[in-house]
Protein backbone atom coordinates (compact mmCIF):
# COMPACT_ATOMS: atom_id res chain seq x y z
CA MET A 1 25.01 17.83 -18.25
CA LYS A 2 25.93 14.47 -18.44
CA LYS A 3 23.52 13.47 -15.69
CA LEU A 4 20.75 14.95 -17.69
CA ILE A 5 21.63 13.48 -21.03
CA VAL A 6 21.92 9.73 -19.26
CA ILE A 7 18.31 10.16 -17.78
CA GLY A 8 16.83 11.55 -20.87
CA ALA A 9 17.94 8.93 -22.98
CA LEU A 10 17.03 5.82 -20.78
CA GLY A 11 13.47 8.07 -20.01
CA LEU A 12 13.07 8.13 -24.41
CA CYS A 13 14.05 4.48 -24.29
CA VAL A 14 11.60 3.50 -21.49
CA LEU A 15 8.89 5.75 -22.98
CA LEU A 16 9.43 3.89 -26.57
CA LEU A 17 9.22 0.76 -24.74
CA VAL A 18 5.82 1.74 -23.27
CA LYS A 19 4.43 3.22 -26.25
CA CYS A 20 5.29 -0.02 -28.24
CA GLN A 21 3.33 -2.47 -25.45
CA LYS A 22 0.74 -0.06 -25.07
CA SER A 23 -1.14 -1.31 -28.14
CA ALA A 24 -1.48 -4.65 -26.21
CA VAL A 25 -3.66 -2.60 -23.06
CA PHE A 26 -7.31 -1.73 -24.59
CA PRO A 27 -8.69 1.37 -22.68
CA ALA A 28 -12.12 0.66 -21.28
CA ASP A 29 -15.47 1.66 -22.47
CA GLN A 30 -16.98 3.83 -19.68
CA TYR A 31 -20.36 1.89 -19.76
CA ASN A 32 -18.48 -1.55 -19.35
CA ASP A 33 -19.72 -2.48 -15.86
CA GLN A 34 -15.82 -4.51 -15.78
CA LEU A 35 -14.39 -0.56 -15.08
CA SER A 36 -12.87 -1.02 -11.71
CA GLY A 37 -11.19 2.43 -12.05
CA GLY A 38 -13.26 3.93 -14.61
CA SER A 39 -11.93 5.25 -17.85
CA GLU A 40 -8.58 4.63 -16.28
CA THR A 41 -9.06 1.08 -16.21
CA VAL A 42 -7.21 -1.27 -18.46
CA PHE A 43 -7.85 -5.07 -19.77
CA ASP A 44 -4.79 -6.59 -18.84
CA ALA A 45 -4.61 -9.78 -16.62
CA THR A 46 -0.78 -10.82 -17.08
CA SER A 47 2.19 -10.04 -14.58
CA LYS A 48 2.40 -6.82 -16.01
CA ALA A 49 -1.51 -5.62 -15.50
CA PHE A 50 -0.66 -3.25 -12.23
CA GLY A 51 2.01 -1.41 -14.23
CA ASN A 52 0.28 0.22 -16.79
CA MET A 53 -0.29 4.34 -17.00
CA PHE A 54 -3.79 5.76 -17.40
CA PRO A 55 -4.68 5.34 -20.79
CA GLU A 56 -6.48 8.74 -21.03
CA LEU A 57 -2.95 10.13 -20.71
CA THR A 58 -1.66 11.99 -23.32
CA GLY A 59 1.61 14.20 -24.25
CA TYR A 60 3.83 15.67 -21.57
CA ASP A 61 1.70 13.57 -18.61
CA VAL A 62 2.84 10.40 -20.77
CA HIS A 63 6.72 11.44 -20.53
CA VAL A 64 6.43 12.47 -17.02
CA HIS A 65 4.37 9.04 -16.16
CA THR A 66 7.63 7.35 -17.96
CA LEU A 67 10.25 8.92 -16.43
CA GLY A 68 8.62 8.45 -12.99
CA ASP A 69 8.52 4.67 -13.90
CA LEU A 70 12.45 4.91 -14.39
CA ILE A 71 12.73 6.35 -11.02
CA PHE A 72 10.60 3.82 -9.48
CA ASN A 73 12.23 1.04 -10.81
CA GLN A 74 16.09 2.74 -10.15
CA GLU A 75 18.72 1.27 -7.64
CA PHE A 76 20.29 4.13 -5.41
CA VAL A 77 23.54 3.91 -4.43
CA ALA A 78 25.50 5.31 -1.80
CA GLU A 79 27.77 8.33 -2.30
CA PRO A 80 29.90 9.68 -3.69
CA ALA A 81 27.84 8.76 -7.06
CA ILE A 82 27.71 10.49 -10.29
CA ILE A 83 24.27 9.51 -10.91
CA HIS A 84 21.24 8.38 -8.16
CA GLY A 85 23.52 8.84 -5.22
CA GLY A 86 21.75 9.03 -1.80
CA LEU A 87 21.49 5.74 -0.54
CA GLY A 88 21.36 5.27 3.16
CA PRO A 89 23.84 5.36 5.41
CA ILE A 90 20.90 2.80 6.47
CA TYR A 91 18.37 1.59 5.07
CA ASN A 92 15.41 -1.29 4.03
CA ASN A 93 16.25 -1.27 0.41
CA THR A 94 17.74 0.21 -2.64
CA ALA A 95 14.54 0.93 -5.07
CA CYS A 96 10.48 1.61 -4.66
CA SER A 97 10.59 -1.49 -7.16
CA ASP A 98 12.34 -3.97 -4.96
CA CYS A 99 9.49 -3.25 -2.27
CA HIS A 100 6.46 -3.44 -4.83
CA HIS A 101 7.50 -5.98 -7.49
CA ASN A 102 5.95 -5.48 -10.62
CA ASP A 103 3.91 -2.27 -8.56
CA GLY A 104 2.29 -4.88 -6.57
CA ILE A 105 2.26 -6.25 -2.93
CA GLY A 106 5.73 -7.44 -1.73
CA LEU A 107 6.98 -10.48 0.03
CA PRO A 108 6.79 -11.25 3.35
CA THR A 109 10.35 -11.31 4.59
CA THR A 110 12.96 -9.03 5.76
CA GLY A 111 16.84 -9.10 5.56
CA GLY A 112 17.03 -9.76 1.91
CA THR A 113 17.04 -7.69 -1.71
CA GLN A 114 13.79 -8.67 -2.46
CA SER A 115 11.99 -8.24 0.97
CA SER A 116 8.71 -6.24 1.49
CA LEU A 117 8.03 -6.07 4.93
CA LEU A 118 8.81 -3.01 7.00
CA MET A 119 8.58 -2.81 10.55
CA ARG A 120 7.15 0.39 12.20
CA ILE A 121 8.55 1.43 16.02
CA SER A 122 7.49 3.79 18.80
CA LEU A 123 7.34 4.35 22.19
CA PRO A 124 3.55 4.46 24.09
CA GLY A 125 2.04 7.51 23.80
CA GLN A 126 1.23 10.13 21.26
CA ASP A 127 3.61 12.89 20.36
CA GLU A 128 2.41 16.84 19.54
CA HIS A 129 0.75 15.88 16.79
CA GLY A 130 -1.23 12.87 17.84
CA GLY A 131 1.06 10.47 16.18
CA PRO A 132 3.39 7.66 17.34
CA VAL A 133 6.22 8.62 19.46
CA PRO A 134 9.71 7.97 17.84
CA VAL A 135 11.98 5.99 19.51
CA PRO A 136 15.32 7.68 20.59
CA GLY A 137 18.36 6.43 18.18
CA TYR A 138 15.24 4.89 15.92
CA GLY A 139 12.94 7.05 14.89
CA LEU A 140 9.84 5.39 13.83
CA GLN A 141 10.98 2.59 11.57
CA VAL A 142 13.88 0.03 11.55
CA GLN A 143 16.05 0.13 8.75
CA ASP A 144 17.81 -3.54 8.89
CA LYS A 145 20.34 -2.58 6.14
CA ALA A 146 23.32 0.07 5.69
CA VAL A 147 26.11 0.95 3.78
CA PHE A 148 30.05 -0.29 4.01
CA GLY A 149 31.10 1.58 7.20
CA ALA A 150 27.34 2.08 8.94
CA VAL A 151 25.47 -0.16 11.09
CA PRO A 152 21.80 -1.65 10.55
CA GLU A 153 19.78 -0.84 13.75
CA ALA A 154 18.42 -3.78 13.94
CA ALA A 155 17.62 -7.39 12.47
CA VAL A 156 14.05 -8.15 12.34
CA ASN A 157 13.18 -11.85 12.91
CA ILE A 158 10.10 -13.36 11.92
CA THR A 159 8.70 -16.91 13.19
CA TYR A 160 5.67 -18.50 12.48
CA THR A 161 3.08 -20.87 14.59
CA TYR A 162 0.50 -22.73 12.60
CA GLN A 163 -3.15 -23.62 13.93
CA GLU A 164 -5.13 -26.66 11.66
CA LEU A 165 -8.62 -25.53 11.94
CA THR A 166 -12.24 -26.73 10.10
CA LEU A 167 -15.24 -24.76 9.14
CA PRO A 168 -18.67 -25.66 10.59
CA ASP A 169 -18.87 -28.52 7.46
CA GLY A 170 -15.85 -30.17 8.29
CA THR A 171 -13.52 -28.39 5.60
CA PRO A 172 -9.83 -27.98 6.88
CA TYR A 173 -7.93 -24.61 6.75
CA GLU A 174 -4.59 -23.15 8.32
CA LEU A 175 -4.02 -20.06 10.00
CA ARG A 176 -0.45 -19.14 10.37
CA SER A 177 0.56 -16.41 13.16
CA PRO A 178 3.36 -14.52 13.05
CA THR A 179 5.83 -13.23 15.76
CA TYR A 180 8.36 -10.47 15.66
CA THR A 181 11.61 -9.60 17.13
CA LEU A 182 14.37 -7.38 16.90
CA THR A 183 17.89 -8.90 17.42
CA ASN A 184 21.12 -7.09 16.97
CA LEU A 185 20.25 -4.18 18.36
CA TYR A 186 23.33 -1.06 17.13
CA MET A 187 22.51 0.35 20.57
CA PRO A 188 19.95 -0.63 23.56
CA ILE A 189 16.34 0.45 23.91
CA VAL A 190 15.40 1.82 26.96
CA GLY A 191 11.94 0.47 28.13
CA ASP A 192 8.95 -0.71 26.66
CA TYR A 193 8.74 -0.40 22.64
CA LEU A 194 6.03 -0.89 20.13
CA LEU A 195 6.26 -2.82 17.24
CA SER A 196 3.97 -3.07 13.76
CA PRO A 197 4.67 -5.09 10.60
CA ARG A 198 3.87 -3.01 7.34
CA LEU A 199 4.24 -5.11 3.74
CA ALA A 200 4.07 -3.02 0.77
CA PRO A 201 1.01 -2.49 -0.53
CA PRO A 202 -0.42 -2.81 -4.93
CA MET A 203 0.59 0.24 -6.11
CA VAL A 204 -3.25 0.76 -8.66
CA GLY A 205 -5.63 3.49 -8.58
CA LEU A 206 -3.73 5.72 -5.97
CA GLY A 207 -4.59 8.62 -7.91
CA LEU A 208 -8.31 7.96 -7.99
CA LEU A 209 -7.98 7.40 -4.01
CA GLU A 210 -6.87 10.79 -3.61
CA ALA A 211 -9.58 11.89 -5.70
CA ILE A 212 -12.47 10.58 -3.34
CA PRO A 213 -13.94 13.92 -2.01
CA GLU A 214 -13.29 14.14 2.17
CA SER A 215 -17.20 14.54 2.56
CA GLU A 216 -17.69 11.01 0.52
CA ILE A 217 -15.36 9.36 2.92
CA VAL A 218 -16.57 11.34 6.09
CA ALA A 219 -20.43 10.53 4.90
CA GLY A 220 -19.48 6.75 5.72
CA ALA A 221 -18.41 6.73 9.06
CA ASP A 222 -20.55 5.13 11.61
CA PRO A 223 -18.46 5.82 14.91
CA ASN A 224 -21.00 5.15 17.28
CA ASP A 225 -22.79 2.29 15.45
CA ALA A 226 -26.27 4.62 14.68
CA ASN A 227 -26.88 1.91 12.43
CA GLY A 228 -26.78 -0.86 14.45
CA ASP A 229 -25.06 -2.93 11.85
CA GLY A 230 -21.84 -3.58 13.99
CA ILE A 231 -19.69 -1.68 11.79
CA LYS A 232 -17.91 1.41 13.53
CA GLY A 233 -15.99 2.86 10.42
CA HIS A 234 -13.79 6.04 11.22
CA ALA A 235 -11.71 8.42 9.39
CA ASN A 236 -7.93 8.50 10.82
CA TYR A 237 -7.10 11.85 10.58
CA VAL A 238 -3.50 12.76 10.86
CA TRP A 239 -0.38 15.55 10.36
CA ASP A 240 0.82 16.35 7.15
CA PRO A 241 4.58 17.11 7.36
CA VAL A 242 4.20 18.78 3.60
CA THR A 243 1.59 20.67 4.66
CA GLN A 244 1.82 20.75 7.62
CA THR A 245 -2.01 20.55 8.59
CA THR A 246 -3.81 18.12 10.15
CA MET A 247 -5.46 16.16 6.99
CA ILE A 248 -7.61 13.02 6.65
CA GLY A 249 -5.21 9.72 6.18
CA ARG A 250 -6.16 8.25 2.94
CA PHE A 251 -3.19 5.37 2.61
CA GLY A 252 -1.22 3.18 4.53
CA TRP A 253 -2.26 0.27 6.30
CA LYS A 254 -3.84 2.50 9.08
CA ALA A 255 -4.25 5.29 6.68
CA ASN A 256 -1.82 6.88 8.55
CA THR A 257 -0.82 9.11 5.39
CA ALA A 258 -2.58 11.54 3.50
CA THR A 259 -1.32 12.20 0.31
CA VAL A 260 0.73 10.66 -2.43
CA VAL A 261 3.20 12.96 -2.28
CA THR A 262 3.92 12.55 1.09
CA GLN A 263 3.89 8.97 1.11
CA VAL A 264 6.44 8.73 -1.98
CA ALA A 265 8.55 11.23 0.20
CA THR A 266 8.70 9.36 3.16
CA ALA A 267 9.37 6.26 1.49
CA TYR A 268 12.47 7.57 -0.13
CA ASN A 269 13.45 8.96 2.91
CA GLN A 270 12.60 6.02 5.62
CA ASP A 271 13.08 3.09 3.14
CA MET A 272 16.15 4.32 1.13
CA GLY A 273 17.70 7.08 3.28
CA VAL A 274 17.06 9.37 0.13
CA THR A 275 16.18 13.66 1.21
CA SER A 276 14.25 15.52 -1.05
CA SER A 277 13.00 18.84 -0.20
CA LEU A 278 10.09 17.63 1.37
CA MET A 279 11.95 15.53 3.63
CA PRO A 280 15.30 16.91 3.60
CA VAL A 281 16.57 15.25 6.94
CA GLU A 282 18.37 12.11 6.72
CA SER A 283 16.69 9.04 8.56
CA SER A 284 20.12 8.82 10.39
CA TYR A 285 20.17 12.05 11.46
CA GLY A 286 21.30 12.13 15.30
CA GLN A 287 22.69 8.45 15.24
CA SER A 288 25.80 7.37 15.62
CA GLN A 289 25.85 5.92 11.55
CA TYR A 290 24.97 9.77 10.59
CA ASP A 291 27.09 10.53 7.33
CA GLY A 292 26.93 14.52 8.23
CA LEU A 293 27.57 14.97 4.30
CA LYS A 294 26.24 18.25 2.91
CA ASP A 295 24.36 16.81 0.09
CA ASP A 296 20.58 17.09 1.00
CA PRO A 297 18.05 17.34 -0.68
CA GLU A 298 19.51 14.29 -2.88
CA LEU A 299 16.29 13.70 -4.70
CA PRO A 300 15.62 16.36 -6.93
CA ASP A 301 12.25 18.01 -7.54
CA SER A 302 11.64 16.58 -10.88
CA LEU A 303 12.33 13.40 -9.93
CA LEU A 304 10.17 13.28 -6.70
CA ASN A 305 7.43 14.61 -8.71
CA ALA A 306 7.75 12.76 -11.71
CA VAL A 307 7.51 9.26 -9.04
CA LYS A 308 4.34 10.92 -7.36
CA PHE A 309 2.70 11.63 -11.06
CA TYR A 310 3.85 7.77 -11.62
CA ALA A 311 2.12 6.31 -8.26
CA GLN A 312 -1.26 8.54 -8.94
CA THR A 313 -1.49 7.42 -12.87
CA LEU A 314 -1.30 3.93 -12.64
CA ALA A 315 -3.97 2.24 -13.97
CA VAL A 316 -6.59 -0.26 -12.15
CA PRO A 317 -7.18 -3.67 -14.20
CA ALA A 318 -10.68 -4.60 -15.39
CA ARG A 319 -12.89 -6.95 -13.38
CA ARG A 320 -12.88 -10.48 -15.32
CA ASN A 321 -15.60 -12.76 -16.25
CA THR A 322 -18.53 -10.50 -14.96
CA THR A 323 -21.16 -12.22 -16.82
CA ASP A 324 -20.48 -15.33 -15.18
CA ALA A 325 -23.41 -16.60 -13.21
CA THR A 326 -21.19 -17.68 -10.57
CA ILE A 327 -19.04 -14.82 -10.24
CA GLN A 328 -22.69 -13.16 -9.97
CA HIS A 329 -24.21 -15.33 -6.96
CA GLY A 330 -20.77 -15.12 -5.59
CA GLU A 331 -21.25 -10.86 -5.55
CA ALA A 332 -24.82 -11.77 -3.95
CA LEU A 333 -23.28 -13.40 -1.23
CA PHE A 334 -20.80 -11.03 -0.73
CA ILE A 335 -23.47 -8.03 0.01
CA SER A 336 -25.44 -10.22 1.74
CA ALA A 337 -22.95 -11.09 4.20
CA LYS A 338 -22.27 -7.16 4.91
CA CYS A 339 -18.69 -7.64 3.81
CA VAL A 340 -19.80 -4.78 1.52
CA ASN A 341 -20.46 -2.48 4.62
CA CYS A 342 -16.25 -1.84 4.80
CA HIS A 343 -15.82 -3.08 1.20
CA ARG A 344 -17.74 -0.48 -0.30
CA GLN A 345 -18.18 -0.80 -3.84
CA THR A 346 -18.42 2.75 -5.47
CA PHE A 347 -17.15 5.94 -5.22
CA THR A 348 -17.26 9.08 -7.41
CA THR A 349 -14.34 11.40 -8.12
CA GLN A 350 -14.33 15.24 -7.16
CA VAL A 351 -14.31 17.39 -10.49
CA ASP A 352 -11.14 18.13 -11.27
CA VAL A 353 -10.67 20.27 -14.93
CA THR A 354 -6.89 20.38 -14.75
CA ARG A 355 -6.88 16.51 -14.59
CA PRO A 356 -9.92 15.23 -16.49
CA TYR A 357 -8.82 11.86 -16.35
CA MET A 358 -9.02 11.32 -12.77
CA SER A 359 -12.31 13.89 -12.78
CA ASN A 360 -16.03 13.05 -11.64
CA GLN A 361 -14.88 9.01 -12.27
CA VAL A 362 -17.08 6.52 -11.13
CA ILE A 363 -14.91 3.56 -9.42
CA HIS A 364 -15.40 0.46 -7.94
CA PRO A 365 -12.38 0.14 -5.35
CA TYR A 366 -14.20 -1.69 -2.51
CA THR A 367 -12.78 -0.15 0.53
CA ASP A 368 -14.81 2.88 2.31
CA MET A 369 -11.29 4.32 2.98
CA LEU A 370 -11.95 3.95 6.72
CA VAL A 371 -10.56 2.06 9.43
CA HIS A 372 -12.26 -0.54 11.68
CA ASP A 373 -11.74 -2.64 14.66
CA MET A 374 -10.55 -5.85 12.92
CA GLY A 375 -10.23 -8.30 16.12
CA THR A 376 -7.51 -8.89 18.53
CA GLY A 377 -6.13 -11.28 15.80
CA LEU A 378 -4.86 -9.19 13.61
CA ALA A 379 -3.91 -6.71 16.32
CA ASP A 380 -0.70 -4.74 16.47
CA ASN A 381 -1.44 -3.07 19.58
CA ARG A 382 0.13 0.08 18.04
CA PRO A 383 -2.02 3.14 17.87
CA ASP A 384 -1.14 5.25 14.77
CA TYR A 385 -2.99 8.91 15.21
CA LEU A 386 -6.92 7.75 15.76
CA ALA A 387 -6.41 4.48 14.60
CA ASN A 388 -5.90 2.24 18.31
CA GLY A 389 -3.75 -0.66 17.95
CA GLN A 390 -6.77 -2.81 16.98
CA GLU A 391 -7.63 -0.97 13.90
CA TRP A 392 -6.91 -0.98 10.16
CA ARG A 393 -8.28 0.61 7.06
CA THR A 394 -10.61 -1.33 4.80
CA ALA A 395 -7.56 -2.51 2.16
CA PRO A 396 -9.18 -1.89 -1.63
CA LEU A 397 -9.90 -5.02 -3.24
CA TRP A 398 -9.69 -4.20 -6.89
CA GLY A 399 -6.93 -5.64 -8.46
CA LEU A 400 -7.42 -8.63 -5.39
CA GLY A 401 -7.85 -11.63 -8.07
CA LEU A 402 -4.52 -10.86 -9.71
CA PHE A 403 -2.37 -10.89 -6.88
CA ALA A 404 -0.98 -14.57 -7.65
CA VAL A 405 -0.69 -13.62 -11.15
CA VAL A 406 1.30 -10.61 -10.65
CA ASN A 407 3.41 -11.58 -7.22
CA ASN A 408 3.20 -15.24 -7.55
CA PRO A 409 2.24 -16.74 -5.34
CA GLY A 410 0.70 -13.65 -3.26
CA TYR A 411 0.29 -12.86 -0.20
CA TYR A 412 -2.74 -10.79 1.84
CA LEU A 413 -3.20 -8.61 5.04
CA HIS A 414 -0.77 -5.77 6.52
CA ASP A 415 1.67 -8.31 6.88
CA GLY A 416 1.29 -11.16 4.48
CA ARG A 417 0.24 -13.67 6.85
CA ALA A 418 -2.60 -15.25 4.80
CA ARG A 419 -1.17 -17.12 1.55
CA ASN A 420 -4.90 -17.16 0.19
CA LEU A 421 -8.42 -15.65 0.23
CA THR A 422 -9.60 -17.94 3.08
CA GLU A 423 -6.94 -17.71 5.01
CA ALA A 424 -7.14 -13.13 4.76
CA ILE A 425 -10.89 -14.11 5.53
CA MET A 426 -10.92 -16.45 8.45
CA TRP A 427 -8.40 -13.93 10.09
CA HIS A 428 -11.13 -11.13 10.13
CA GLY A 429 -12.42 -10.35 13.52
CA GLY A 430 -13.63 -7.40 15.55
CA GLU A 431 -16.28 -5.29 13.27
CA ALA A 432 -15.69 -7.80 10.33
CA GLU A 433 -16.41 -11.25 12.92
CA ASN A 434 -20.26 -11.37 11.76
CA ALA A 435 -19.41 -11.72 7.80
CA LYS A 436 -16.36 -14.25 8.53
CA ASN A 437 -18.87 -16.27 10.42
CA THR A 438 -21.46 -15.75 7.44
CA PHE A 439 -18.94 -16.85 5.25
CA ALA A 440 -17.81 -20.42 7.48
CA ASN A 441 -21.52 -21.23 7.60
CA MET A 442 -21.89 -21.18 4.10
CA SER A 443 -21.98 -24.82 1.55
CA ALA A 444 -18.62 -25.20 0.22
CA SER A 445 -20.30 -24.15 -3.36
CA ASP A 446 -21.33 -21.13 -1.83
CA ARG A 447 -18.02 -20.51 -0.34
CA ALA A 448 -16.13 -21.25 -3.74
CA ALA A 449 -18.93 -18.78 -5.15
CA VAL A 450 -17.83 -16.12 -3.02
CA LEU A 451 -14.00 -16.59 -4.05
CA LYS A 452 -14.34 -16.81 -7.31
CA PHE A 453 -15.95 -13.17 -7.21
CA LEU A 454 -13.40 -12.01 -5.33
CA LEU A 455 -10.87 -13.73 -7.89
CA SER A 456 -12.75 -11.56 -10.67
CA LEU A 457 -11.95 -8.20 -8.86
């Protein structure tokens, strides 16, 4: 009873706070061209722009979202604990918000309390479902922290090399290339293994992306480049451990996760070592530091579902200054450079009478939800279901212009190697090589217009 009272009181306080603050966030008019998230768009360009609930939520849905917000920001601790126990014994961070800062993109660092870069690990080959093969004693993710009395699996080290380069008109820019190594392994790894860094992505609009009809995503695929534009995007189909079926991948840098609830449950399990009814086995099971406690599942379904609903109902910030002539020119250049062949501007979500706020929404996420070959420069050389070692999901661009506001200074790409948008563009290769070269060969004023357009998203 005490635990319920504590959660209820805190939830009420947060709910009152959200209601007080919400007057500063204005729901969008559905016919306004700034509406990246349809009617679930908010006009907020502050450091809290990614943390707003859908404007159309009412009644009990507001309560569930607010409770999910509370738990999303809750630090978990090791057992025994009266409340919010279950951390570890090995983990990467102690709260969702420790990686997703302000519900935005994280810091490309490891080891610290605010680090947001995870390291996936696997053996060459495929498991029985076509996915990555776990490494004995390590699983599919390196947990680089541990509670007292346990041992981190390894330390993840990052070193950068820097290239000073120039665009065709002589404008200088710099690219930094990361190298990742593991040290202080708690036990040896026999044979070769594959590593892939994954930076915590922004949280906005996940429910809307989940509501895009699969048929619409697949209709945009062109794996054999039938139209001859050099773009060969295809869907990633993945095994979903919750439904025990193969589903289209929508989330994660390689579209290796099918649903928001699977993403949330897996993050609790792998990132924090917190079990749930959907992921009831400790991430340390079978290892020497497995705690052996009979306390699973540690996260009640009510709280898991609240965090899932919170993640599904984070509103998308509106575009800004859309009538600016330079921004409109930059958008035209973005289209003519064929960037939209991957960064698809518009989808319409499926009809859902049970969730009208997600139903039949015209949204502008600037992603086709497909995976593409991005060249050797960005390759992690680690396949993930149907996504090979050079392929990545097209990252949604909505909210892109607020990265530096929400998460100063802001980082880009799957591992945060890019520190500004020019660097991010110039890392593009493979299917995006021609678009990158088009941008590089633009005049300085045209490149500035493209960047100003991107910053309006």
